[in-house]
Amino acid sequence: MKYIRANDESELISILSGSDISVPGRTEGRETEHCERWTIYRLLATLVNNSKLIFPIELIKRERPDFLLRAGGNCIGIEVTETINPDYAKATTLPEHDVEGTVIDPSLFKWGTPRRPKNELREIVSRKKLTGPGWEGESVEIEYANAVYDVMLTKTGKLLSESFDKFTNNWLVIYCNITLPVLDIVKGNSIFEDKARDYWAADSFSSIFVEYNDLFICYSQGISEIMKLSNLWDNG
């Protein structure tokens, strides 16, 4: 099992900042482990710089959930995932995307849009102007809230399965990799909190952490907290 051990804040920051968390491109050998390390290390850096960790800590890599964090005697299971429209992710890997002047319109890949065949994706990424429906009113904030909410429910289904180990606390960490125009995160939080009002229970995740742009947002029962992401690395 791979792990981090740190007795205090300065030791943890030293370990984190000295670690390579770079993520190869989608067509350059990227693996799930790269993405998980990127997300969990950035979360730990943010938590330690906001005095949210109890020391000593030990982070252990495992499966179902992805990590076990022992912090000051508490055991926290941590599942890490990414929110991205799969067709948008595929579109960015197509060779047509690299042709000068082409542009991918994110509003064509809104959350919940039916999957498209590859030939249609090729045609879309070959376009040289925006052709989608755009964004009106609170549609950006609704898009954010819907994406986070749906991923949370999907992962909660796995949490409730017999093969998923439960601990004193269970966290879900989401790297929100959807492409949006300017997001009003306070409004997005409010919409998400309304959707998740009946979610919280003894057998749900106790906390949901969302990395979006330069922020980490922590959701728990009736509460959301916005933290500035602590970036200790030159490459990310």
C-alpha atoms as a PDB file:
ATOM      1  CA  MET A   1       0.000   0.000   0.000  1.00  0.00           C
ATOM      2  CA  LYS A   2       1.326   3.452  -0.897  1.00  0.00           C
ATOM      3  CA  TYR A   3       0.978   5.987   1.870  1.00  0.00           C
ATOM      4  CA  ILE A   4       1.877   9.366   3.321  1.00  0.00           C
ATOM      5  CA  ARG A   5       2.790   9.788   6.968  1.00  0.00           C
ATOM      6  CA  ALA A   6       3.186  13.206   8.583  1.00  0.00           C
ATOM      7  CA  ASN A   7       3.394  14.245  12.215  1.00  0.00           C
ATOM      8  CA  ASP A   8       2.607  17.929  11.712  1.00  0.00           C
ATOM      9  CA  GLU A   9       1.630  20.573   9.171  1.00  0.00           C
ATOM     10  CA  SER A  10       5.139  21.456   8.034  1.00  0.00           C
ATOM     11  CA  GLU A  11       6.058  17.813   7.416  1.00  0.00           C
ATOM     12  CA  LEU A  12       2.920  17.248   5.352  1.00  0.00           C
ATOM     13  CA  ILE A  13       3.474  20.388   3.274  1.00  0.00           C
ATOM     14  CA  SER A  14       7.047  19.300   2.616  1.00  0.00           C
ATOM     15  CA  ILE A  15       5.919  15.842   1.460  1.00  0.00           C
ATOM     16  CA  LEU A  16       3.149  17.217  -0.735  1.00  0.00           C
ATOM     17  CA  SER A  17       5.185  19.969  -2.372  1.00  0.00           C
ATOM     18  CA  GLY A  18       8.002  17.509  -3.144  1.00  0.00           C
ATOM     19  CA  SER A  19       5.659  15.070  -4.889  1.00  0.00           C
ATOM     20  CA  ASP A  20       5.025  14.853  -8.622  1.00  0.00           C
ATOM     21  CA  ILE A  21       1.287  15.219  -9.202  1.00  0.00           C
ATOM     22  CA  SER A  22       1.461  15.884 -12.948  1.00  0.00           C
ATOM     23  CA  VAL A  23      -1.235  14.249 -15.071  1.00  0.00           C
ATOM     24  CA  PRO A  24      -0.421  13.129 -18.636  1.00  0.00           C
ATOM     25  CA  GLY A  25      -2.795  14.077 -21.431  1.00  0.00           C
ATOM     26  CA  ARG A  26      -5.727  11.808 -22.257  1.00  0.00           C
ATOM     27  CA  THR A  27      -3.819  10.343 -25.210  1.00  0.00           C
ATOM     28  CA  GLU A  28      -0.429  10.372 -23.473  1.00  0.00           C
ATOM     29  CA  GLY A  29      -0.690   7.554 -20.961  1.00  0.00           C
ATOM     30  CA  ARG A  30      -3.043   9.049 -18.402  1.00  0.00           C
ATOM     31  CA  GLU A  31      -4.201   6.544 -15.802  1.00  0.00           C
ATOM     32  CA  THR A  32      -6.745   6.724 -13.002  1.00  0.00           C
ATOM     33  CA  GLU A  33      -3.949   6.816 -10.426  1.00  0.00           C
ATOM     34  CA  HIS A  34      -2.588  10.058 -11.910  1.00  0.00           C
ATOM     35  CA  CYS A  35      -5.961  11.763 -11.519  1.00  0.00           C
ATOM     36  CA  GLU A  36      -6.559  10.418  -8.031  1.00  0.00           C
ATOM     37  CA  ARG A  37      -3.163  11.619  -6.814  1.00  0.00           C
ATOM     38  CA  TRP A  38      -3.699  15.078  -8.375  1.00  0.00           C
ATOM     39  CA  THR A  39      -7.017  15.487  -6.573  1.00  0.00           C
ATOM     40  CA  ILE A  40      -6.213  14.010  -3.155  1.00  0.00           C
ATOM     41  CA  TYR A  41      -2.883  15.841  -2.822  1.00  0.00           C
ATOM     42  CA  ARG A  42      -4.475  19.179  -3.714  1.00  0.00           C
ATOM     43  CA  LEU A  43      -7.254  18.497  -1.218  1.00  0.00           C
ATOM     44  CA  LEU A  44      -4.766  17.708   1.554  1.00  0.00           C
ATOM     45  CA  ALA A  45      -2.780  20.865   0.763  1.00  0.00           C
ATOM     46  CA  THR A  46      -5.956  22.921   0.987  1.00  0.00           C
ATOM     47  CA  LEU A  47      -7.115  21.285   4.206  1.00  0.00           C
ATOM     48  CA  VAL A  48      -3.765  21.674   5.949  1.00  0.00           C
ATOM     49  CA  ASN A  49      -3.498  25.328   4.960  1.00  0.00           C
ATOM     50  CA  ASN A  50      -6.972  25.896   6.386  1.00  0.00           C
ATOM     51  CA  SER A  51      -6.153  24.066   9.650  1.00  0.00           C
ATOM     52  CA  LYS A  52      -8.688  21.324   8.875  1.00  0.00           C
ATOM     53  CA  LEU A  53      -6.490  18.307   9.660  1.00  0.00           C
ATOM     54  CA  ILE A  54      -5.726  16.674  12.992  1.00  0.00           C
ATOM     55  CA  PHE A  55      -2.214  15.237  13.259  1.00  0.00           C
ATOM     56  CA  PRO A  56      -0.540  12.829  13.019  1.00  0.00           C
ATOM     57  CA  ILE A  57      -1.985  11.712   9.693  1.00  0.00           C
ATOM     58  CA  GLU A  58      -1.525   8.683   7.475  1.00  0.00           C
ATOM     59  CA  LEU A  59      -2.923   8.433   3.938  1.00  0.00           C
ATOM     60  CA  ILE A  60      -3.135   4.910   2.528  1.00  0.00           C
ATOM     61  CA  LYS A  61      -3.956   4.035  -1.093  1.00  0.00           C
ATOM     62  CA  ARG A  62      -6.507   1.270  -1.406  1.00  0.00           C
ATOM     63  CA  GLU A  63      -9.698   0.411  -3.320  1.00  0.00           C
ATOM     64  CA  ARG A  64     -13.396   0.890  -2.564  1.00  0.00           C
ATOM     65  CA  PRO A  65     -12.844   3.516  -1.285  1.00  0.00           C
ATOM     66  CA  ASP A  66      -9.737   4.858  -3.018  1.00  0.00           C
ATOM     67  CA  PHE A  67      -7.990   6.087   0.143  1.00  0.00           C
ATOM     68  CA  LEU A  68      -8.020   5.714   3.893  1.00  0.00           C
ATOM     69  CA  LEU A  69      -7.032   8.796   5.866  1.00  0.00           C
ATOM     70  CA  ARG A  70      -6.118   8.288   9.503  1.00  0.00           C
ATOM     71  CA  ALA A  71      -6.099  11.694  11.171  1.00  0.00           C
ATOM     72  CA  GLY A  72      -5.636  12.120  14.883  1.00  0.00           C
ATOM     73  CA  GLY A  73      -7.183   8.745  15.573  1.00  0.00           C
ATOM     74  CA  ASN A  74     -10.119   9.160  13.179  1.00  0.00           C
ATOM     75  CA  CYS A  75     -10.558   6.884  10.166  1.00  0.00           C
ATOM     76  CA  ILE A  76     -11.898   8.546   7.025  1.00  0.00           C
ATOM     77  CA  GLY A  77     -12.651   6.655   3.842  1.00  0.00           C
ATOM     78  CA  ILE A  78     -12.159   8.807   0.738  1.00  0.00           C
ATOM     79  CA  GLU A  79     -13.534   8.083  -2.726  1.00  0.00           C
ATOM     80  CA  VAL A  80     -12.155  10.232  -5.572  1.00  0.00           C
ATOM     81  CA  THR A  81     -13.859  10.822  -8.900  1.00  0.00           C
ATOM     82  CA  GLU A  82     -14.091  13.228 -11.827  1.00  0.00           C
ATOM     83  CA  THR A  83     -17.105  15.010 -13.282  1.00  0.00           C
ATOM     84  CA  ILE A  84     -16.823  15.475 -17.029  1.00  0.00           C
ATOM     85  CA  ASN A  85     -19.136  15.051 -19.996  1.00  0.00           C
ATOM     86  CA  PRO A  86     -17.747  11.883 -21.656  1.00  0.00           C
ATOM     87  CA  ASP A  87     -18.474  13.157 -25.180  1.00  0.00           C
ATOM     88  CA  TYR A  88     -16.655  16.412 -24.440  1.00  0.00           C
ATOM     89  CA  ALA A  89     -13.662  14.448 -23.137  1.00  0.00           C
ATOM     90  CA  LYS A  90     -13.684  12.301 -26.293  1.00  0.00           C
ATOM     91  CA  ALA A  91     -14.038  15.367 -28.526  1.00  0.00           C
ATOM     92  CA  THR A  92     -10.862  16.921 -27.134  1.00  0.00           C
ATOM     93  CA  THR A  93      -8.866  13.848 -28.223  1.00  0.00           C
ATOM     94  CA  LEU A  94     -10.030  13.849 -31.852  1.00  0.00           C
ATOM     95  CA  PRO A  95      -7.474  15.027 -34.448  1.00  0.00           C
ATOM     96  CA  GLU A  96      -9.981  17.506 -35.882  1.00  0.00           C
ATOM     97  CA  HIS A  97      -9.772  19.400 -32.598  1.00  0.00           C
ATOM     98  CA  ASP A  98      -6.139  20.343 -33.339  1.00  0.00           C
ATOM     99  CA  VAL A  99      -6.894  22.015 -36.684  1.00  0.00           C
ATOM    100  CA  GLU A 100      -6.193  25.739 -36.543  1.00  0.00           C
ATOM    101  CA  GLY A 101      -9.313  27.842 -36.092  1.00  0.00           C
ATOM    102  CA  THR A 102     -11.598  25.112 -34.782  1.00  0.00           C
ATOM    103  CA  VAL A 103     -13.465  25.628 -31.515  1.00  0.00           C
ATOM    104  CA  ILE A 104     -15.467  23.274 -29.294  1.00  0.00           C
ATOM    105  CA  ASP A 105     -18.683  24.846 -28.003  1.00  0.00           C
ATOM    106  CA  PRO A 106     -19.190  23.594 -24.402  1.00  0.00           C
ATOM    107  CA  SER A 107     -22.898  24.448 -24.535  1.00  0.00           C
ATOM    108  CA  LEU A 108     -23.314  21.545 -26.989  1.00  0.00           C
ATOM    109  CA  PHE A 109     -22.188  19.177 -24.224  1.00  0.00           C
ATOM    110  CA  LYS A 110     -24.472  20.106 -21.362  1.00  0.00           C
ATOM    111  CA  TRP A 111     -24.906  17.642 -18.532  1.00  0.00           C
ATOM    112  CA  GLY A 112     -27.324  14.856 -19.414  1.00  0.00           C
ATOM    113  CA  THR A 113     -27.052  15.382 -23.182  1.00  0.00           C
ATOM    114  CA  PRO A 114     -27.499  12.029 -25.000  1.00  0.00           C
ATOM    115  CA  ARG A 115     -24.297  10.423 -26.236  1.00  0.00           C
ATOM    116  CA  ARG A 116     -23.294  11.144 -29.825  1.00  0.00           C
ATOM    117  CA  PRO A 117     -21.665   8.835 -32.401  1.00  0.00           C
ATOM    118  CA  LYS A 118     -18.039   9.554 -33.267  1.00  0.00           C
ATOM    119  CA  ASN A 119     -18.831  10.886 -36.732  1.00  0.00           C
ATOM    120  CA  GLU A 120     -21.090  13.540 -35.210  1.00  0.00           C
ATOM    121  CA  LEU A 121     -18.383  14.476 -32.695  1.00  0.00           C
ATOM    122  CA  ARG A 122     -15.882  14.838 -35.527  1.00  0.00           C
ATOM    123  CA  GLU A 123     -18.246  17.214 -37.318  1.00  0.00           C
ATOM    124  CA  ILE A 124     -18.828  19.270 -34.169  1.00  0.00           C
ATOM    125  CA  VAL A 125     -15.137  19.719 -33.345  1.00  0.00           C
ATOM    126  CA  SER A 126     -14.421  20.711 -36.956  1.00  0.00           C
ATOM    127  CA  ARG A 127     -16.589  23.822 -36.630  1.00  0.00           C
ATOM    128  CA  LYS A 128     -14.933  27.215 -36.514  1.00  0.00           C
ATOM    129  CA  LYS A 129     -17.609  29.130 -34.642  1.00  0.00           C
ATOM    130  CA  LEU A 130     -19.860  28.617 -31.631  1.00  0.00           C
ATOM    131  CA  THR A 131     -23.134  26.960 -32.653  1.00  0.00           C
ATOM    132  CA  GLY A 132     -24.661  25.780 -29.363  1.00  0.00           C
ATOM    133  CA  PRO A 133     -27.596  27.147 -27.358  1.00  0.00           C
ATOM    134  CA  GLY A 134     -25.369  29.161 -25.046  1.00  0.00           C
ATOM    135  CA  TRP A 135     -26.175  29.961 -21.422  1.00  0.00           C
ATOM    136  CA  GLU A 136     -29.026  32.023 -20.014  1.00  0.00           C
ATOM    137  CA  GLY A 137     -30.125  33.042 -16.529  1.00  0.00           C
ATOM    138  CA  GLU A 138     -28.934  30.573 -13.909  1.00  0.00           C
ATOM    139  CA  SER A 139     -28.198  27.822 -16.441  1.00  0.00           C
ATOM    140  CA  VAL A 140     -24.464  27.798 -15.590  1.00  0.00           C
ATOM    141  CA  GLU A 141     -25.154  27.370 -11.878  1.00  0.00           C
ATOM    142  CA  ILE A 142     -27.844  24.741 -12.562  1.00  0.00           C
ATOM    143  CA  GLU A 143     -25.401  22.848 -14.799  1.00  0.00           C
ATOM    144  CA  TYR A 144     -22.810  22.807 -12.008  1.00  0.00           C
ATOM    145  CA  ALA A 145     -25.323  21.707  -9.357  1.00  0.00           C
ATOM    146  CA  ASN A 146     -26.817  18.973 -11.545  1.00  0.00           C
ATOM    147  CA  ALA A 147     -23.418  17.526 -12.442  1.00  0.00           C
ATOM    148  CA  VAL A 148     -22.202  17.400  -8.842  1.00  0.00           C
ATOM    149  CA  TYR A 149     -25.526  16.031  -7.607  1.00  0.00           C
ATOM    150  CA  ASP A 150     -25.707  13.238 -10.198  1.00  0.00           C
ATOM    151  CA  VAL A 151     -22.133  12.124  -9.565  1.00  0.00           C
ATOM    152  CA  MET A 152     -22.788  12.196  -5.818  1.00  0.00           C
ATOM    153  CA  LEU A 153     -25.810   9.909  -6.212  1.00  0.00           C
ATOM    154  CA  THR A 154     -23.933   7.505  -8.491  1.00  0.00           C
ATOM    155  CA  LYS A 155     -21.049   7.201  -6.046  1.00  0.00           C
ATOM    156  CA  THR A 156     -23.446   6.891  -3.103  1.00  0.00           C
ATOM    157  CA  GLY A 157     -24.880   3.800  -4.773  1.00  0.00           C
ATOM    158  CA  LYS A 158     -21.392   2.296  -4.661  1.00  0.00           C
ATOM    159  CA  LEU A 159     -20.929   3.428  -1.056  1.00  0.00           C
ATOM    160  CA  LEU A 160     -24.043   1.478  -0.082  1.00  0.00           C
ATOM    161  CA  SER A 161     -22.876  -1.746  -1.749  1.00  0.00           C
ATOM    162  CA  GLU A 162     -21.533  -4.579   0.384  1.00  0.00           C
ATOM    163  CA  SER A 163     -18.154  -4.495  -1.368  1.00  0.00           C
ATOM    164  CA  PHE A 164     -17.479  -0.887  -0.323  1.00  0.00           C
ATOM    165  CA  ASP A 165     -15.798  -0.488   3.083  1.00  0.00           C
ATOM    166  CA  LYS A 166     -17.306   2.083   5.440  1.00  0.00           C
ATOM    167  CA  PHE A 167     -15.450   4.073   8.079  1.00  0.00           C
ATOM    168  CA  THR A 168     -16.262   6.520  10.866  1.00  0.00           C
ATOM    169  CA  ASN A 169     -16.434   9.251   8.224  1.00  0.00           C
ATOM    170  CA  ASN A 170     -16.786   8.770   4.476  1.00  0.00           C
ATOM    171  CA  TRP A 171     -15.817  11.532   2.037  1.00  0.00           C
ATOM    172  CA  LEU A 172     -16.445  11.919  -1.658  1.00  0.00           C
ATOM    173  CA  VAL A 173     -13.982  14.137  -3.545  1.00  0.00           C
ATOM    174  CA  ILE A 174     -15.036  15.321  -7.000  1.00  0.00           C
ATOM    175  CA  TYR A 175     -12.754  16.977  -9.527  1.00  0.00           C
ATOM    176  CA  CYS A 176     -15.347  19.032 -11.402  1.00  0.00           C
ATOM    177  CA  ASN A 177     -13.913  19.113 -14.918  1.00  0.00           C
ATOM    178  CA  ILE A 178     -16.889  20.498 -16.798  1.00  0.00           C
ATOM    179  CA  THR A 179     -16.247  23.530 -18.999  1.00  0.00           C
ATOM    180  CA  LEU A 180     -18.448  26.473 -18.041  1.00  0.00           C
ATOM    181  CA  PRO A 181     -18.504  30.238 -18.521  1.00  0.00           C
ATOM    182  CA  VAL A 182     -18.238  32.338 -15.365  1.00  0.00           C
ATOM    183  CA  LEU A 183     -19.858  30.456 -12.486  1.00  0.00           C
ATOM    184  CA  ASP A 184     -21.424  32.229  -9.507  1.00  0.00           C
ATOM    185  CA  ILE A 185     -20.332  29.643  -6.977  1.00  0.00           C
ATOM    186  CA  VAL A 186     -22.474  31.074  -4.178  1.00  0.00           C
ATOM    187  CA  LYS A 187     -25.571  30.698  -6.340  1.00  0.00           C
ATOM    188  CA  GLY A 188     -24.394  27.291  -7.548  1.00  0.00           C
ATOM    189  CA  ASN A 189     -23.974  26.192  -3.935  1.00  0.00           C
ATOM    190  CA  SER A 190     -27.483  27.342  -3.095  1.00  0.00           C
ATOM    191  CA  ILE A 191     -28.981  25.359  -5.985  1.00  0.00           C
ATOM    192  CA  PHE A 192     -26.981  22.263  -5.039  1.00  0.00           C
ATOM    193  CA  GLU A 193     -27.947  22.552  -1.367  1.00  0.00           C
ATOM    194  CA  ASP A 194     -31.635  22.678  -2.322  1.00  0.00           C
ATOM    195  CA  LYS A 195     -31.254  19.558  -4.496  1.00  0.00           C
ATOM    196  CA  ALA A 196     -29.325  17.718  -1.763  1.00  0.00           C
ATOM    197  CA  ARG A 197     -31.593  18.754   1.115  1.00  0.00           C
ATOM    198  CA  ASP A 198     -32.915  15.208   1.615  1.00  0.00           C
ATOM    199  CA  TYR A 199     -29.639  13.456   0.787  1.00  0.00           C
ATOM    200  CA  TRP A 200     -27.816  13.538   4.098  1.00  0.00           C
ATOM    201  CA  ALA A 201     -28.258  10.459   6.261  1.00  0.00           C
ATOM    202  CA  ALA A 202     -26.293   8.068   8.434  1.00  0.00           C
ATOM    203  CA  ASP A 203     -25.429   5.947   5.396  1.00  0.00           C
ATOM    204  CA  SER A 204     -24.595   8.797   2.986  1.00  0.00           C
ATOM    205  CA  PHE A 205     -21.203  10.372   2.443  1.00  0.00           C
ATOM    206  CA  SER A 206     -20.575  12.625   5.428  1.00  0.00           C
ATOM    207  CA  SER A 207     -18.810  15.285   3.349  1.00  0.00           C
ATOM    208  CA  ILE A 208     -18.569  16.077  -0.358  1.00  0.00           C
ATOM    209  CA  PHE A 209     -15.513  18.036  -1.552  1.00  0.00           C
ATOM    210  CA  VAL A 210     -15.613  19.574  -5.013  1.00  0.00           C
ATOM    211  CA  GLU A 211     -12.527  20.965  -6.741  1.00  0.00           C
ATOM    212  CA  TYR A 212     -13.570  23.597  -9.272  1.00  0.00           C
ATOM    213  CA  ASN A 213     -11.052  25.961 -10.842  1.00  0.00           C
ATOM    214  CA  ASP A 214      -9.084  27.459  -7.939  1.00  0.00           C
ATOM    215  CA  LEU A 215     -11.557  26.465  -5.221  1.00  0.00           C
ATOM    216  CA  PHE A 216     -12.472  23.535  -3.019  1.00  0.00           C
ATOM    217  CA  ILE A 217     -16.086  23.547  -1.880  1.00  0.00           C
ATOM    218  CA  CYS A 218     -17.024  21.344   1.057  1.00  0.00           C
ATOM    219  CA  TYR A 219     -20.663  20.261   1.399  1.00  0.00           C
ATOM    220  CA  SER A 220     -22.059  18.577   4.468  1.00  0.00           C
ATOM    221  CA  GLN A 221     -25.502  18.497   6.010  1.00  0.00           C
ATOM    222  CA  GLY A 222     -26.980  21.993   5.654  1.00  0.00           C
ATOM    223  CA  ILE A 223     -23.571  23.622   5.205  1.00  0.00           C
ATOM    224  CA  SER A 224     -21.247  24.594   2.383  1.00  0.00           C
ATOM    225  CA  GLU A 225     -17.779  26.071   2.835  1.00  0.00           C
ATOM    226  CA  ILE A 226     -15.628  27.597   0.109  1.00  0.00           C
ATOM    227  CA  MET A 227     -11.853  27.306   0.455  1.00  0.00           C
ATOM    228  CA  LYS A 228      -9.208  28.772  -1.812  1.00  0.00           C
ATOM    229  CA  LEU A 229      -7.280  25.888  -3.341  1.00  0.00           C
ATOM    230  CA  SER A 230      -3.726  25.715  -1.996  1.00  0.00           C
ATOM    231  CA  ASN A 231      -1.463  25.026  -4.969  1.00  0.00           C
ATOM    232  CA  LEU A 232       1.996  23.921  -3.829  1.00  0.00           C
ATOM    233  CA  TRP A 233       3.153  22.840  -7.295  1.00  0.00           C
ATOM    234  CA  ASP A 234       4.622  24.743 -10.206  1.00  0.00           C
ATOM    235  CA  ASN A 235       2.940  22.421 -12.715  1.00  0.00           C
ATOM    236  CA  GLY A 236      -0.682  22.707 -11.650  1.00  0.00           C
END
